[in-house]
């Protein structure tokens, strides 16, 4: 089974370091990581959306649990057989 986790960072400049530490910890279970945020020539958006494809269901649940501990993060997920 594959789990897609969508993570919205409300203030990514403040949450990025803690977020990255969690992703590094679960790196062997993350097959795909896609980051989306608004960017212009002189502006980098404070919010971001990251999509993660996680290949181990038990690790996906542990990953979501650790991410929920970071303030300013919203999580949604989908599971596929």
N, C-alpha and C. Protein backbone atom coordinates (compact mmCIF):
# COMPACT_ATOMS: atom_id res chain seq x y z
N UNK A 1 0.85 -1.18 0.00
CA UNK A 1 0.00 0.00 0.00
C UNK A 1 0.89 1.24 0.00
N UNK A 2 0.40 2.28 -0.64
CA UNK A 2 1.11 3.56 -0.72
C UNK A 2 0.27 4.63 -0.06
N UNK A 3 0.91 5.48 0.70
CA UNK A 3 0.24 6.61 1.35
C UNK A 3 0.81 7.90 0.79
N UNK A 4 -0.08 8.81 0.43
CA UNK A 4 0.31 10.17 0.03
C UNK A 4 -0.04 11.08 1.19
N UNK A 5 0.95 11.80 1.68
CA UNK A 5 0.74 12.73 2.79
C UNK A 5 0.93 14.14 2.24
N UNK A 6 -0.08 14.97 2.43
CA UNK A 6 0.01 16.38 2.07
C UNK A 6 0.28 17.19 3.33
N UNK A 7 1.30 18.02 3.28
CA UNK A 7 1.69 18.82 4.44
C UNK A 7 1.66 20.29 4.04
N UNK A 8 0.91 21.08 4.78
CA UNK A 8 0.87 22.53 4.55
C UNK A 8 1.63 23.20 5.69
N UNK A 9 2.65 23.95 5.32
CA UNK A 9 3.44 24.70 6.30
C UNK A 9 2.93 26.14 6.30
N UNK A 10 2.44 26.60 7.46
CA UNK A 10 1.91 27.96 7.54
C UNK A 10 3.00 29.02 7.56
N UNK A 11 4.10 28.75 8.18
CA UNK A 11 5.21 29.70 8.24
C UNK A 11 6.49 28.90 7.99
N UNK A 12 6.75 28.60 6.72
CA UNK A 12 7.82 27.67 6.41
C UNK A 12 9.21 28.14 6.81
N UNK A 13 9.41 29.45 6.91
CA UNK A 13 10.72 29.91 7.35
C UNK A 13 10.97 29.54 8.81
N UNK A 14 9.90 29.43 9.60
CA UNK A 14 10.03 29.06 11.02
C UNK A 14 9.98 27.55 11.23
N UNK A 15 9.25 26.83 10.37
CA UNK A 15 9.02 25.40 10.58
C UNK A 15 9.94 24.51 9.74
N UNK A 16 10.63 25.07 8.76
CA UNK A 16 11.39 24.26 7.80
C UNK A 16 12.47 23.40 8.46
N UNK A 17 13.17 23.91 9.43
CA UNK A 17 14.25 23.14 10.05
C UNK A 17 13.71 21.90 10.78
N UNK A 18 12.68 22.08 11.60
CA UNK A 18 12.08 20.94 12.30
C UNK A 18 11.45 19.97 11.31
N UNK A 19 10.80 20.50 10.30
CA UNK A 19 10.18 19.67 9.27
C UNK A 19 11.23 18.82 8.56
N UNK A 20 12.33 19.44 8.18
CA UNK A 20 13.39 18.72 7.47
C UNK A 20 14.01 17.62 8.34
N UNK A 21 14.16 17.87 9.64
CA UNK A 21 14.69 16.84 10.54
C UNK A 21 13.80 15.61 10.56
N UNK A 22 12.48 15.81 10.58
CA UNK A 22 11.55 14.68 10.57
C UNK A 22 11.65 13.93 9.24
N UNK A 23 11.71 14.66 8.13
CA UNK A 23 11.82 14.00 6.83
C UNK A 23 13.11 13.20 6.72
N UNK A 24 14.19 13.71 7.24
CA UNK A 24 15.46 12.99 7.23
C UNK A 24 15.35 11.70 8.03
N UNK A 25 14.69 11.76 9.17
CA UNK A 25 14.51 10.58 10.02
C UNK A 25 13.75 9.47 9.29
N UNK A 26 12.77 9.84 8.45
CA UNK A 26 11.94 8.87 7.73
C UNK A 26 12.35 8.75 6.26
N UNK A 27 13.54 9.19 5.92
CA UNK A 27 13.99 9.26 4.54
C UNK A 27 13.93 7.95 3.77
N UNK A 28 14.17 6.82 4.41
CA UNK A 28 14.16 5.53 3.71
C UNK A 28 12.75 5.08 3.33
N UNK A 29 11.72 5.68 3.91
CA UNK A 29 10.34 5.32 3.60
C UNK A 29 9.67 6.31 2.66
N UNK A 30 10.33 7.44 2.38
CA UNK A 30 9.76 8.46 1.49
C UNK A 30 10.29 8.22 0.09
N UNK A 31 9.37 7.80 -0.79
CA UNK A 31 9.74 7.51 -2.17
C UNK A 31 9.81 8.79 -3.01
N UNK A 32 8.83 9.69 -2.79
CA UNK A 32 8.74 10.92 -3.57
C UNK A 32 8.44 12.09 -2.65
N UNK A 33 9.08 13.21 -2.93
CA UNK A 33 8.82 14.46 -2.20
C UNK A 33 8.67 15.56 -3.22
N UNK A 34 7.55 16.29 -3.16
CA UNK A 34 7.29 17.37 -4.10
C UNK A 34 6.88 18.60 -3.30
N UNK A 35 7.65 19.68 -3.45
CA UNK A 35 7.35 20.91 -2.74
C UNK A 35 6.75 21.95 -3.67
N UNK A 36 5.68 22.59 -3.21
CA UNK A 36 4.98 23.61 -4.00
C UNK A 36 4.83 24.87 -3.17
N UNK A 37 5.27 25.99 -3.69
CA UNK A 37 5.04 27.27 -3.04
C UNK A 37 5.17 28.38 -4.08
N UNK A 38 4.55 29.50 -3.76
CA UNK A 38 4.60 30.66 -4.65
C UNK A 38 5.99 31.30 -4.56
N UNK A 39 6.50 31.68 -5.71
CA UNK A 39 7.79 32.36 -5.73
C UNK A 39 7.78 33.38 -6.87
N UNK A 40 8.42 34.52 -6.62
CA UNK A 40 8.55 35.56 -7.63
C UNK A 40 9.99 36.05 -7.59
N UNK A 41 10.32 37.00 -8.42
CA UNK A 41 11.69 37.48 -8.53
C UNK A 41 12.27 37.93 -7.19
N UNK A 42 11.47 38.60 -6.36
CA UNK A 42 12.01 39.12 -5.11
C UNK A 42 11.20 38.71 -3.88
N UNK A 43 10.28 37.75 -4.05
CA UNK A 43 9.42 37.33 -2.94
C UNK A 43 9.38 35.81 -2.87
N UNK A 44 9.52 35.29 -1.69
CA UNK A 44 9.36 33.85 -1.46
C UNK A 44 8.21 33.69 -0.47
N UNK A 45 7.18 32.97 -0.86
CA UNK A 45 5.96 32.85 -0.06
C UNK A 45 6.24 32.22 1.31
N UNK A 46 5.54 32.70 2.35
CA UNK A 46 5.74 32.15 3.69
C UNK A 46 5.07 30.79 3.88
N UNK A 47 4.14 30.43 2.99
CA UNK A 47 3.43 29.16 3.11
C UNK A 47 3.92 28.19 2.05
N UNK A 48 3.81 26.91 2.33
CA UNK A 48 4.21 25.92 1.36
C UNK A 48 3.38 24.66 1.48
N UNK A 49 3.36 23.89 0.42
CA UNK A 49 2.66 22.61 0.38
C UNK A 49 3.65 21.57 -0.08
N UNK A 50 3.76 20.48 0.67
CA UNK A 50 4.68 19.39 0.34
C UNK A 50 3.86 18.11 0.23
N UNK A 51 4.06 17.37 -0.85
CA UNK A 51 3.43 16.07 -1.03
C UNK A 51 4.50 14.99 -0.86
N UNK A 52 4.19 14.00 -0.03
CA UNK A 52 5.12 12.90 0.25
C UNK A 52 4.48 11.58 -0.12
N UNK A 53 5.18 10.76 -0.88
CA UNK A 53 4.75 9.40 -1.17
C UNK A 53 5.52 8.49 -0.23
N UNK A 54 4.80 7.83 0.67
CA UNK A 54 5.43 6.99 1.70
C UNK A 54 5.08 5.53 1.40
N UNK A 55 6.10 4.66 1.39
CA UNK A 55 5.89 3.29 0.94
C UNK A 55 5.61 2.28 2.05
N UNK A 56 5.80 2.61 3.29
CA UNK A 56 5.52 1.70 4.39
C UNK A 56 4.41 2.29 5.26
N UNK A 57 3.28 1.58 5.36
CA UNK A 57 2.12 2.12 6.09
C UNK A 57 2.43 2.45 7.54
N UNK A 58 3.15 1.58 8.23
CA UNK A 58 3.46 1.84 9.63
C UNK A 58 4.35 3.07 9.77
N UNK A 59 5.26 3.25 8.85
CA UNK A 59 6.12 4.42 8.88
C UNK A 59 5.34 5.68 8.53
N UNK A 60 4.35 5.57 7.65
CA UNK A 60 3.52 6.73 7.31
C UNK A 60 2.79 7.24 8.55
N UNK A 61 2.27 6.33 9.35
CA UNK A 61 1.58 6.73 10.58
C UNK A 61 2.54 7.38 11.57
N UNK A 62 3.73 6.82 11.70
CA UNK A 62 4.74 7.39 12.60
C UNK A 62 5.20 8.76 12.11
N UNK A 63 5.35 8.89 10.79
CA UNK A 63 5.74 10.17 10.20
C UNK A 63 4.69 11.24 10.48
N UNK A 64 3.41 10.90 10.25
CA UNK A 64 2.34 11.86 10.52
C UNK A 64 2.31 12.25 12.00
N UNK A 65 2.53 11.30 12.87
CA UNK A 65 2.53 11.58 14.32
C UNK A 65 3.62 12.59 14.67
N UNK A 66 4.82 12.40 14.13
CA UNK A 66 5.92 13.34 14.43
C UNK A 66 5.68 14.71 13.80
N UNK A 67 5.12 14.73 12.60
CA UNK A 67 4.86 16.01 11.94
C UNK A 67 3.81 16.81 12.69
N UNK A 68 2.83 16.13 13.27
CA UNK A 68 1.77 16.83 14.02
C UNK A 68 2.30 17.54 15.25
N UNK A 69 3.47 17.16 15.71
CA UNK A 69 4.08 17.81 16.88
C UNK A 69 4.68 19.18 16.53
N UNK A 70 4.83 19.46 15.24
CA UNK A 70 5.41 20.74 14.81
C UNK A 70 4.28 21.75 14.66
N UNK A 71 4.39 22.86 15.37
CA UNK A 71 3.37 23.90 15.31
C UNK A 71 3.36 24.55 13.93
N UNK A 72 2.16 24.82 13.40
CA UNK A 72 2.04 25.49 12.11
C UNK A 72 1.99 24.55 10.92
N UNK A 73 1.71 23.27 11.18
CA UNK A 73 1.64 22.29 10.09
C UNK A 73 0.25 21.66 10.07
N UNK A 74 -0.33 21.57 8.87
CA UNK A 74 -1.59 20.85 8.66
C UNK A 74 -1.29 19.64 7.80
N UNK A 75 -1.90 18.49 8.13
CA UNK A 75 -1.63 17.24 7.43
C UNK A 75 -2.93 16.63 6.92
N UNK A 76 -2.89 16.16 5.67
CA UNK A 76 -3.97 15.38 5.07
C UNK A 76 -3.31 14.16 4.43
N UNK A 77 -4.05 13.05 4.31
CA UNK A 77 -3.44 11.89 3.69
C UNK A 77 -4.44 11.08 2.87
N UNK A 78 -3.89 10.29 1.93
CA UNK A 78 -4.65 9.38 1.08
C UNK A 78 -3.91 8.05 1.07
N UNK A 79 -4.66 6.95 0.99
CA UNK A 79 -4.05 5.62 0.91
C UNK A 79 -4.52 4.92 -0.36
N UNK A 80 -3.60 4.23 -1.01
CA UNK A 80 -3.87 3.47 -2.23
C UNK A 80 -3.39 2.05 -2.05
N UNK A 81 -4.20 1.10 -2.54
CA UNK A 81 -3.79 -0.32 -2.49
C UNK A 81 -2.77 -0.61 -3.56
